[in-house]
């Protein structure tokens, strides 16, 4: 996967998360997981400190996608699809 594709996909997922968060049909648990994900991404505190070679950065590359996966899986399918289609049309 090229760096540009990764960047474009990341932008789409961020936009999707914004839409899901503002949708009134999105469950509270999803909104909580989205806040936890943002908080963990911005927090200077890591489970494994970044100064530890390889493993220090690996925890961020595993934990953040897992939190997003859990958040998105907790959204009703029709709400997810409706918001995902909005992203594709942009």
PDB file of N, CA and C in Angstrom:
ATOM      1  N   UNK A   1       0.844  -1.171   0.000  1.00  0.00           N
ATOM      2  CA  UNK A   1       0.000   0.000   0.000  1.00  0.00           C
ATOM      3  C   UNK A   1       0.893   1.240   0.000  1.00  0.00           C
ATOM      4  N   UNK A   2       0.564   2.172  -0.852  1.00  0.00           N
ATOM      5  CA  UNK A   2       1.355   3.386  -0.952  1.00  0.00           C
ATOM      6  C   UNK A   2       1.008   4.352   0.169  1.00  0.00           C
ATOM      7  N   UNK A   3       1.957   5.222   0.472  1.00  0.00           N
ATOM      8  CA  UNK A   3       1.766   6.195   1.542  1.00  0.00           C
ATOM      9  C   UNK A   3       0.561   7.100   1.269  1.00  0.00           C
ATOM     10  N   UNK A   4       0.359   7.485   0.016  1.00  0.00           N
ATOM     11  CA  UNK A   4      -0.777   8.336  -0.347  1.00  0.00           C
ATOM     12  C   UNK A   4      -2.099   7.614  -0.073  1.00  0.00           C
ATOM     13  N   UNK A   5      -2.163   6.322  -0.376  1.00  0.00           N
ATOM     14  CA  UNK A   5      -3.379   5.542  -0.101  1.00  0.00           C
ATOM     15  C   UNK A   5      -3.661   5.486   1.399  1.00  0.00           C
ATOM     16  N   UNK A   6      -2.632   5.288   2.179  1.00  0.00           N
ATOM     17  CA  UNK A   6      -2.786   5.234   3.630  1.00  0.00           C
ATOM     18  C   UNK A   6      -3.308   6.568   4.139  1.00  0.00           C
ATOM     19  N   UNK A   7      -2.727   7.655   3.633  1.00  0.00           N
ATOM     20  CA  UNK A   7      -3.163   8.994   4.034  1.00  0.00           C
ATOM     21  C   UNK A   7      -4.624   9.238   3.651  1.00  0.00           C
ATOM     22  N   UNK A   8      -4.997   8.866   2.426  1.00  0.00           N
ATOM     23  CA  UNK A   8      -6.378   9.050   1.961  1.00  0.00           C
ATOM     24  C   UNK A   8      -7.358   8.201   2.780  1.00  0.00           C
ATOM     25  N   UNK A   9      -6.987   6.961   3.063  1.00  0.00           N
ATOM     26  CA  UNK A   9      -7.840   6.085   3.878  1.00  0.00           C
ATOM     27  C   UNK A   9      -7.986   6.623   5.296  1.00  0.00           C
ATOM     28  N   UNK A  10      -6.907   7.137   5.851  1.00  0.00           N
ATOM     29  CA  UNK A  10      -6.964   7.696   7.207  1.00  0.00           C
ATOM     30  C   UNK A  10      -7.916   8.886   7.238  1.00  0.00           C
ATOM     31  N   UNK A  11      -7.856   9.736   6.221  1.00  0.00           N
ATOM     32  CA  UNK A  11      -8.767  10.889   6.150  1.00  0.00           C
ATOM     33  C   UNK A  11     -10.219  10.424   6.085  1.00  0.00           C
ATOM     34  N   UNK A  12     -10.479   9.378   5.298  1.00  0.00           N
ATOM     35  CA  UNK A  12     -11.842   8.858   5.174  1.00  0.00           C
ATOM     36  C   UNK A  12     -12.338   8.298   6.506  1.00  0.00           C
ATOM     37  N   UNK A  13     -11.494   7.585   7.217  1.00  0.00           N
ATOM     38  CA  UNK A  13     -11.906   7.018   8.502  1.00  0.00           C
ATOM     39  C   UNK A  13     -12.127   8.104   9.549  1.00  0.00           C
ATOM     40  N   UNK A  14     -11.319   9.139   9.509  1.00  0.00           N
ATOM     41  CA  UNK A  14     -11.519  10.255  10.441  1.00  0.00           C
ATOM     42  C   UNK A  14     -12.855  10.933  10.148  1.00  0.00           C
ATOM     43  N   UNK A  15     -13.138  11.160   8.875  1.00  0.00           N
ATOM     44  CA  UNK A  15     -14.417  11.764   8.486  1.00  0.00           C
ATOM     45  C   UNK A  15     -15.580  10.846   8.865  1.00  0.00           C
ATOM     46  N   UNK A  16     -15.428   9.550   8.647  1.00  0.00           N
ATOM     47  CA  UNK A  16     -16.468   8.590   9.021  1.00  0.00           C
ATOM     48  C   UNK A  16     -16.713   8.623  10.525  1.00  0.00           C
ATOM     49  N   UNK A  17     -15.657   8.667  11.303  1.00  0.00           N
ATOM     50  CA  UNK A  17     -15.805   8.729  12.767  1.00  0.00           C
ATOM     51  C   UNK A  17     -16.533   9.995  13.183  1.00  0.00           C
ATOM     52  N   UNK A  18     -16.239  11.118  12.529  1.00  0.00           N
ATOM     53  CA  UNK A  18     -16.947  12.369  12.831  1.00  0.00           C
ATOM     54  C   UNK A  18     -18.436  12.228  12.536  1.00  0.00           C
ATOM     55  N   UNK A  19     -18.754  11.662  11.377  1.00  0.00           N
ATOM     56  CA  UNK A  19     -20.158  11.481  11.010  1.00  0.00           C
ATOM     57  C   UNK A  19     -20.865  10.537  11.983  1.00  0.00           C
ATOM     58  N   UNK A  20     -20.214   9.437  12.316  1.00  0.00           N
ATOM     59  CA  UNK A  20     -20.814   8.487  13.251  1.00  0.00           C
ATOM     60  C   UNK A  20     -21.024   9.129  14.614  1.00  0.00           C
ATOM     61  N   UNK A  21     -20.072   9.928  15.048  1.00  0.00           N
ATOM     62  CA  UNK A  21     -20.188  10.563  16.363  1.00  0.00           C
ATOM     63  C   UNK A  21     -21.362  11.540  16.411  1.00  0.00           C
ATOM     64  N   UNK A  22     -21.566  12.267  15.325  1.00  0.00           N
ATOM     65  CA  UNK A  22     -22.638  13.270  15.320  1.00  0.00           C
ATOM     66  C   UNK A  22     -24.010  12.686  14.993  1.00  0.00           C
ATOM     67  N   UNK A  23     -24.048  11.448  14.515  1.00  0.00           N
ATOM     68  CA  UNK A  23     -25.320  10.805  14.195  1.00  0.00           C
ATOM     69  C   UNK A  23     -26.036  10.424  15.497  1.00  0.00           C
ATOM     70  N   UNK A  24     -27.282  10.861  15.627  1.00  0.00           N
ATOM     71  CA  UNK A  24     -28.032  10.607  16.865  1.00  0.00           C
ATOM     72  C   UNK A  24     -28.356   9.130  17.079  1.00  0.00           C
ATOM     73  N   UNK A  25     -28.263   8.332  16.022  1.00  0.00           N
ATOM     74  CA  UNK A  25     -28.552   6.892  16.144  1.00  0.00           C
ATOM     75  C   UNK A  25     -27.362   6.080  16.615  1.00  0.00           C
ATOM     76  N   UNK A  26     -26.206   6.713  16.700  1.00  0.00           N
ATOM     77  CA  UNK A  26     -24.997   6.024  17.146  1.00  0.00           C
ATOM     78  C   UNK A  26     -25.084   5.778  18.655  1.00  0.00           C
ATOM     79  N   UNK A  27     -24.843   4.527  19.076  1.00  0.00           N
ATOM     80  CA  UNK A  27     -24.918   4.202  20.506  1.00  0.00           C
ATOM     81  C   UNK A  27     -23.884   4.971  21.339  1.00  0.00           C
ATOM     82  N   UNK A  28     -24.212   5.176  22.596  1.00  0.00           N
ATOM     83  CA  UNK A  28     -23.313   5.882  23.515  1.00  0.00           C
ATOM     84  C   UNK A  28     -21.970   5.171  23.647  1.00  0.00           C
ATOM     85  N   UNK A  29     -21.991   3.851  23.653  1.00  0.00           N
ATOM     86  CA  UNK A  29     -20.743   3.094  23.809  1.00  0.00           C
ATOM     87  C   UNK A  29     -19.776   3.383  22.664  1.00  0.00           C
ATOM     88  N   UNK A  30     -20.318   3.568  21.465  1.00  0.00           N
ATOM     89  CA  UNK A  30     -19.473   3.905  20.315  1.00  0.00           C
ATOM     90  C   UNK A  30     -18.817   5.251  20.540  1.00  0.00           C
ATOM     91  N   UNK A  31     -19.601   6.213  20.990  1.00  0.00           N
ATOM     92  CA  UNK A  31     -19.061   7.552  21.230  1.00  0.00           C
ATOM     93  C   UNK A  31     -17.992   7.520  22.315  1.00  0.00           C
ATOM     94  N   UNK A  32     -18.183   6.681  23.315  1.00  0.00           N
ATOM     95  CA  UNK A  32     -17.175   6.536  24.368  1.00  0.00           C
ATOM     96  C   UNK A  32     -15.882   5.954  23.797  1.00  0.00           C
ATOM     97  N   UNK A  33     -16.006   4.908  22.983  1.00  0.00           N
ATOM     98  CA  UNK A  33     -14.811   4.302  22.373  1.00  0.00           C
ATOM     99  C   UNK A  33     -14.093   5.287  21.460  1.00  0.00           C
ATOM    100  N   UNK A  34     -14.839   6.122  20.745  1.00  0.00           N
ATOM    101  CA  UNK A  34     -14.207   7.124  19.886  1.00  0.00           C
ATOM    102  C   UNK A  34     -13.423   8.131  20.734  1.00  0.00           C
ATOM    103  N   UNK A  35     -13.980   8.563  21.851  1.00  0.00           N
ATOM    104  CA  UNK A  35     -13.275   9.483  22.743  1.00  0.00           C
ATOM    105  C   UNK A  35     -12.042   8.828  23.356  1.00  0.00           C
ATOM    106  N   UNK A  36     -12.173   7.565  23.738  1.00  0.00           N
ATOM    107  CA  UNK A  36     -11.020   6.844  24.306  1.00  0.00           C
ATOM    108  C   UNK A  36      -9.909   6.736  23.260  1.00  0.00           C
ATOM    109  N   UNK A  37     -10.276   6.463  22.020  1.00  0.00           N
ATOM    110  CA  UNK A  37      -9.290   6.355  20.941  1.00  0.00           C
ATOM    111  C   UNK A  37      -8.572   7.683  20.734  1.00  0.00           C
ATOM    112  N   UNK A  38      -9.333   8.765  20.663  1.00  0.00           N
ATOM    113  CA  UNK A  38      -8.727  10.093  20.493  1.00  0.00           C
ATOM    114  C   UNK A  38      -7.833  10.418  21.688  1.00  0.00           C
ATOM    115  N   UNK A  39      -8.335  10.142  22.871  1.00  0.00           N
ATOM    116  CA  UNK A  39      -7.560  10.404  24.083  1.00  0.00           C
ATOM    117  C   UNK A  39      -6.260   9.627  24.113  1.00  0.00           C
ATOM    118  N   UNK A  40      -6.316   8.356  23.745  1.00  0.00           N
ATOM    119  CA  UNK A  40      -5.094   7.534  23.742  1.00  0.00           C
ATOM    120  C   UNK A  40      -4.112   8.039  22.690  1.00  0.00           C
ATOM    121  N   UNK A  41      -4.633   8.424  21.519  1.00  0.00           N
ATOM    122  CA  UNK A  41      -3.758   8.901  20.441  1.00  0.00           C
ATOM    123  C   UNK A  41      -3.045  10.198  20.843  1.00  0.00           C
ATOM    124  N   UNK A  42      -3.731  11.059  21.562  1.00  0.00           N
ATOM    125  CA  UNK A  42      -3.163  12.358  21.927  1.00  0.00           C
ATOM    126  C   UNK A  42      -2.418  12.346  23.263  1.00  0.00           C
ATOM    127  N   UNK A  43      -2.623  11.302  24.036  1.00  0.00           N
ATOM    128  CA  UNK A  43      -2.022  11.226  25.363  1.00  0.00           C
ATOM    129  C   UNK A  43      -0.506  11.023  25.289  1.00  0.00           C
ATOM    130  N   UNK A  44       0.225  11.748  26.114  1.00  0.00           N
ATOM    131  CA  UNK A  44       1.677  11.531  26.151  1.00  0.00           C
ATOM    132  C   UNK A  44       2.042  10.247  26.905  1.00  0.00           C
ATOM    133  N   UNK A  45       1.061   9.651  27.568  1.00  0.00           N
ATOM    134  CA  UNK A  45       1.305   8.428  28.340  1.00  0.00           C
ATOM    135  C   UNK A  45       0.952   7.217  27.478  1.00  0.00           C
ATOM    136  N   UNK A  46       1.883   6.293  27.327  1.00  0.00           N
ATOM    137  CA  UNK A  46       1.683   5.067  26.558  1.00  0.00           C
ATOM    138  C   UNK A  46       1.739   3.868  27.491  1.00  0.00           C
ATOM    139  N   UNK A  47       1.108   2.776  27.062  1.00  0.00           N
ATOM    140  CA  UNK A  47       1.237   1.539  27.828  1.00  0.00           C
ATOM    141  C   UNK A  47       2.678   1.068  27.820  1.00  0.00           C
ATOM    142  N   UNK A  48       3.313   1.163  26.658  1.00  0.00           N
ATOM    143  CA  UNK A  48       4.729   0.833  26.521  1.00  0.00           C
ATOM    144  C   UNK A  48       5.425   2.098  26.039  1.00  0.00           C
ATOM    145  N   UNK A  49       6.381   2.626  26.804  1.00  0.00           N
ATOM    146  CA  UNK A  49       7.036   3.888  26.422  1.00  0.00           C
ATOM    147  C   UNK A  49       7.681   3.813  25.031  1.00  0.00           C
ATOM    148  N   UNK A  50       7.599   4.934  24.299  1.00  0.00           N
ATOM    149  CA  UNK A  50       8.117   4.980  22.931  1.00  0.00           C
ATOM    150  C   UNK A  50       9.638   4.844  22.849  1.00  0.00           C
ATOM    151  N   UNK A  51      10.346   5.105  23.934  1.00  0.00           N
ATOM    152  CA  UNK A  51      11.806   5.002  23.867  1.00  0.00           C
ATOM    153  C   UNK A  51      12.295   3.554  23.794  1.00  0.00           C
ATOM    154  N   UNK A  52      11.419   2.590  24.044  1.00  0.00           N
ATOM    155  CA  UNK A  52      11.789   1.182  23.892  1.00  0.00           C
ATOM    156  C   UNK A  52      11.724   0.855  22.399  1.00  0.00           C
ATOM    157  N   UNK A  53      12.850   0.453  21.806  1.00  0.00           N
ATOM    158  CA  UNK A  53      12.884   0.231  20.354  1.00  0.00           C
ATOM    159  C   UNK A  53      11.807  -0.746  19.877  1.00  0.00           C
ATOM    160  N   UNK A  54      11.234  -0.458  18.759  1.00  0.00           N
ATOM    161  CA  UNK A  54      10.228  -1.233  18.044  1.00  0.00           C
ATOM    162  C   UNK A  54       8.926  -1.398  18.841  1.00  0.00           C
ATOM    163  N   UNK A  55       8.981  -2.015  19.991  1.00  0.00           N
ATOM    164  CA  UNK A  55       7.778  -2.311  20.771  1.00  0.00           C
ATOM    165  C   UNK A  55       7.094  -1.030  21.233  1.00  0.00           C
ATOM    166  N   UNK A  56       7.873   0.009  21.508  1.00  0.00           N
ATOM    167  CA  UNK A  56       7.321   1.268  21.977  1.00  0.00           C
ATOM    168  C   UNK A  56       6.344   1.899  20.997  1.00  0.00           C
ATOM    169  N   UNK A  57       6.644   1.786  19.711  1.00  0.00           N
ATOM    170  CA  UNK A  57       5.751   2.340  18.689  1.00  0.00           C
ATOM    171  C   UNK A  57       4.730   1.308  18.225  1.00  0.00           C
ATOM    172  N   UNK A  58       5.040   0.063  18.396  1.00  0.00           N
ATOM    173  CA  UNK A  58       4.149  -1.005  17.959  1.00  0.00           C
ATOM    174  C   UNK A  58       2.841  -1.007  18.736  1.00  0.00           C
ATOM    175  N   UNK A  59       2.890  -0.645  20.014  1.00  0.00           N
ATOM    176  CA  UNK A  59       1.647  -0.641  20.790  1.00  0.00           C
ATOM    177  C   UNK A  59       0.643   0.359  20.230  1.00  0.00           C
ATOM    178  N   UNK A  60       1.120   1.522  19.769  1.00  0.00           N
ATOM    179  CA  UNK A  60       0.213   2.503  19.156  1.00  0.00           C
ATOM    180  C   UNK A  60      -0.389   1.965  17.862  1.00  0.00           C
ATOM    181  N   UNK A  61       0.398   1.241  17.100  1.00  0.00           N
ATOM    182  CA  UNK A  61      -0.075   0.711  15.810  1.00  0.00           C
ATOM    183  C   UNK A  61      -1.039  -0.456  16.002  1.00  0.00           C
ATOM    184  N   UNK A  62      -1.118  -1.011  17.190  1.00  0.00           N
ATOM    185  CA  UNK A  62      -2.047  -2.103  17.473  1.00  0.00           C
ATOM    186  C   UNK A  62      -3.269  -1.595  18.250  1.00  0.00           C
ATOM    187  N   UNK A  63      -3.045  -0.836  19.287  1.00  0.00           N
ATOM    188  CA  UNK A  63      -4.139  -0.407  20.166  1.00  0.00           C
ATOM    189  C   UNK A  63      -5.120   0.527  19.464  1.00  0.00           C
ATOM    190  N   UNK A  64      -4.620   1.518  18.729  1.00  0.00           N
ATOM    191  CA  UNK A  64      -5.516   2.474  18.070  1.00  0.00           C
ATOM    192  C   UNK A  64      -6.442   1.809  17.049  1.00  0.00           C
ATOM    193  N   UNK A  65      -5.931   0.966  16.154  1.00  0.00           N
ATOM    194  CA  UNK A  65      -6.851   0.291  15.225  1.00  0.00           C
ATOM    195  C   UNK A  65      -7.846  -0.630  15.929  1.00  0.00           C
ATOM    196  N   UNK A  66      -7.427  -1.276  17.000  1.00  0.00           N
ATOM    197  CA  UNK A  66      -8.338  -2.161  17.732  1.00  0.00           C
ATOM    198  C   UNK A  66      -9.467  -1.348  18.365  1.00  0.00           C
ATOM    199  N   UNK A  67      -9.142  -0.205  18.962  1.00  0.00           N
ATOM    200  CA  UNK A  67     -10.175   0.647  19.548  1.00  0.00           C
ATOM    201  C   UNK A  67     -11.149   1.148  18.476  1.00  0.00           C
ATOM    202  N   UNK A  68     -10.616   1.554  17.323  1.00  0.00           N
ATOM    203  CA  UNK A  68     -11.486   1.996  16.224  1.00  0.00           C
ATOM    204  C   UNK A  68     -12.355   0.855  15.725  1.00  0.00           C
ATOM    205  N   UNK A  69     -11.783  -0.331  15.615  1.00  0.00           N
ATOM    206  CA  UNK A  69     -12.543  -1.497  15.164  1.00  0.00           C
ATOM    207  C   UNK A  69     -13.716  -1.774  16.103  1.00  0.00           C
ATOM    208  N   UNK A  70     -13.445  -1.741  17.395  1.00  0.00           N
ATOM    209  CA  UNK A  70     -14.502  -1.992  18.386  1.00  0.00           C
ATOM    210  C   UNK A  70     -15.584  -0.918  18.285  1.00  0.00           C
ATOM    211  N   UNK A  71     -15.168   0.334  18.154  1.00  0.00           N
ATOM    212  CA  UNK A  71     -16.135   1.431  18.051  1.00  0.00           C
ATOM    213  C   UNK A  71     -17.020   1.256  16.821  1.00  0.00           C
ATOM    214  N   UNK A  72     -16.407   0.989  15.687  1.00  0.00           N
ATOM    215  CA  UNK A  72     -17.176   0.880  14.437  1.00  0.00           C
ATOM    216  C   UNK A  72     -18.072  -0.353  14.453  1.00  0.00           C
ATOM    217  N   UNK A  73     -17.616  -1.451  15.045  1.00  0.00           N
ATOM    218  CA  UNK A  73     -18.437  -2.660  15.111  1.00  0.00           C
ATOM    219  C   UNK A  73     -19.650  -2.488  16.017  1.00  0.00           C
ATOM    220  N   UNK A  74     -19.612  -1.511  16.908  1.00  0.00           N
ATOM    221  CA  UNK A  74     -20.739  -1.299  17.808  1.00  0.00           C
ATOM    222  C   UNK A  74     -21.831  -0.401  17.208  1.00  0.00           C
ATOM    223  N   UNK A  75     -21.585   0.076  15.995  1.00  0.00           N
ATOM    224  CA  UNK A  75     -22.569   0.919  15.297  1.00  0.00           C
ATOM    225  C   UNK A  75     -23.544   0.009  14.544  1.00  0.00           C
ATOM    226  N   UNK A  76     -24.841   0.297  14.613  1.00  0.00           N
ATOM    227  CA  UNK A  76     -25.792  -0.486  13.807  1.00  0.00           C
ATOM    228  C   UNK A  76     -25.405  -0.442  12.327  1.00  0.00           C
ATOM    229  N   UNK A  77     -25.554  -1.572  11.679  1.00  0.00           N
ATOM    230  CA  UNK A  77     -25.085  -1.719  10.300  1.00  0.00           C
ATOM    231  C   UNK A  77     -25.650  -0.642   9.368  1.00  0.00           C
ATOM    232  N   UNK A  78     -26.958  -0.369   9.480  1.00  0.00           N
ATOM    233  CA  UNK A  78     -27.574   0.608   8.575  1.00  0.00           C
ATOM    234  C   UNK A  78     -27.024   2.016   8.812  1.00  0.00           C
ATOM    235  N   UNK A  79     -26.700   2.354  10.050  1.00  0.00           N
ATOM    236  CA  UNK A  79     -26.122   3.665  10.366  1.00  0.00           C
ATOM    237  C   UNK A  79     -24.719   3.754   9.767  1.00  0.00           C
ATOM    238  N   UNK A  80     -23.946   2.680   9.923  1.00  0.00           N
ATOM    239  CA  UNK A  80     -22.594   2.641   9.365  1.00  0.00           C
ATOM    240  C   UNK A  80     -22.642   2.798   7.847  1.00  0.00           C
ATOM    241  N   UNK A  81     -23.465   2.020   7.186  1.00  0.00           N
ATOM    242  CA  UNK A  81     -23.530   2.050   5.719  1.00  0.00           C
ATOM    243  C   UNK A  81     -23.959   3.429   5.222  1.00  0.00           C
ATOM    244  N   UNK A  82     -24.984   3.985   5.842  1.00  0.00           N
ATOM    245  CA  UNK A  82     -25.474   5.304   5.425  1.00  0.00           C
ATOM    246  C   UNK A  82     -24.374   6.365   5.518  1.00  0.00           C
ATOM    247  N   UNK A  83     -23.619   6.358   6.602  1.00  0.00           N
ATOM    248  CA  UNK A  83     -22.551   7.334   6.775  1.00  0.00           C
ATOM    249  C   UNK A  83     -21.349   7.030   5.892  1.00  0.00           C
ATOM    250  N   UNK A  84     -21.072   5.770   5.673  1.00  0.00           N
ATOM    251  CA  UNK A  84     -19.962   5.385   4.800  1.00  0.00           C
ATOM    252  C   UNK A  84     -20.232   5.834   3.361  1.00  0.00           C
ATOM    253  N   UNK A  85     -21.461   5.694   2.925  1.00  0.00           N
ATOM    254  CA  UNK A  85     -21.828   6.130   1.568  1.00  0.00           C
ATOM    255  C   UNK A  85     -21.634   7.640   1.423  1.00  0.00           C
ATOM    256  N   UNK A  86     -21.932   8.393   2.478  1.00  0.00           N
ATOM    257  CA  UNK A  86     -21.707   9.846   2.438  1.00  0.00           C
ATOM    258  C   UNK A  86     -20.235  10.161   2.180  1.00  0.00           C
ATOM    259  N   UNK A  87     -19.344   9.390   2.786  1.00  0.00           N
ATOM    260  CA  UNK A  87     -17.905   9.595   2.612  1.00  0.00           C
ATOM    261  C   UNK A  87     -17.510   9.285   1.175  1.00  0.00           C
ATOM    262  N   UNK A  88     -18.036   8.218   0.620  1.00  0.00           N
ATOM    263  CA  UNK A  88     -17.679   7.826  -0.740  1.00  0.00           C
ATOM    264  C   UNK A  88     -18.147   8.831  -1.787  1.00  0.00           C
ATOM    265  N   UNK A  89     -19.238   9.508  -1.503  1.00  0.00           N
ATOM    266  CA  UNK A  89     -19.782  10.479  -2.452  1.00  0.00           C
ATOM    267  C   UNK A  89     -18.997  11.790  -2.484  1.00  0.00           C
ATOM    268  N   UNK A  90     -18.171  12.027  -1.489  1.00  0.00           N
ATOM    269  CA  UNK A  90     -17.400  13.289  -1.429  1.00  0.00           C
ATOM    270  C   UNK A  90     -16.244  13.257  -2.388  1.00  0.00           C
TER     271      UNK A  90
END
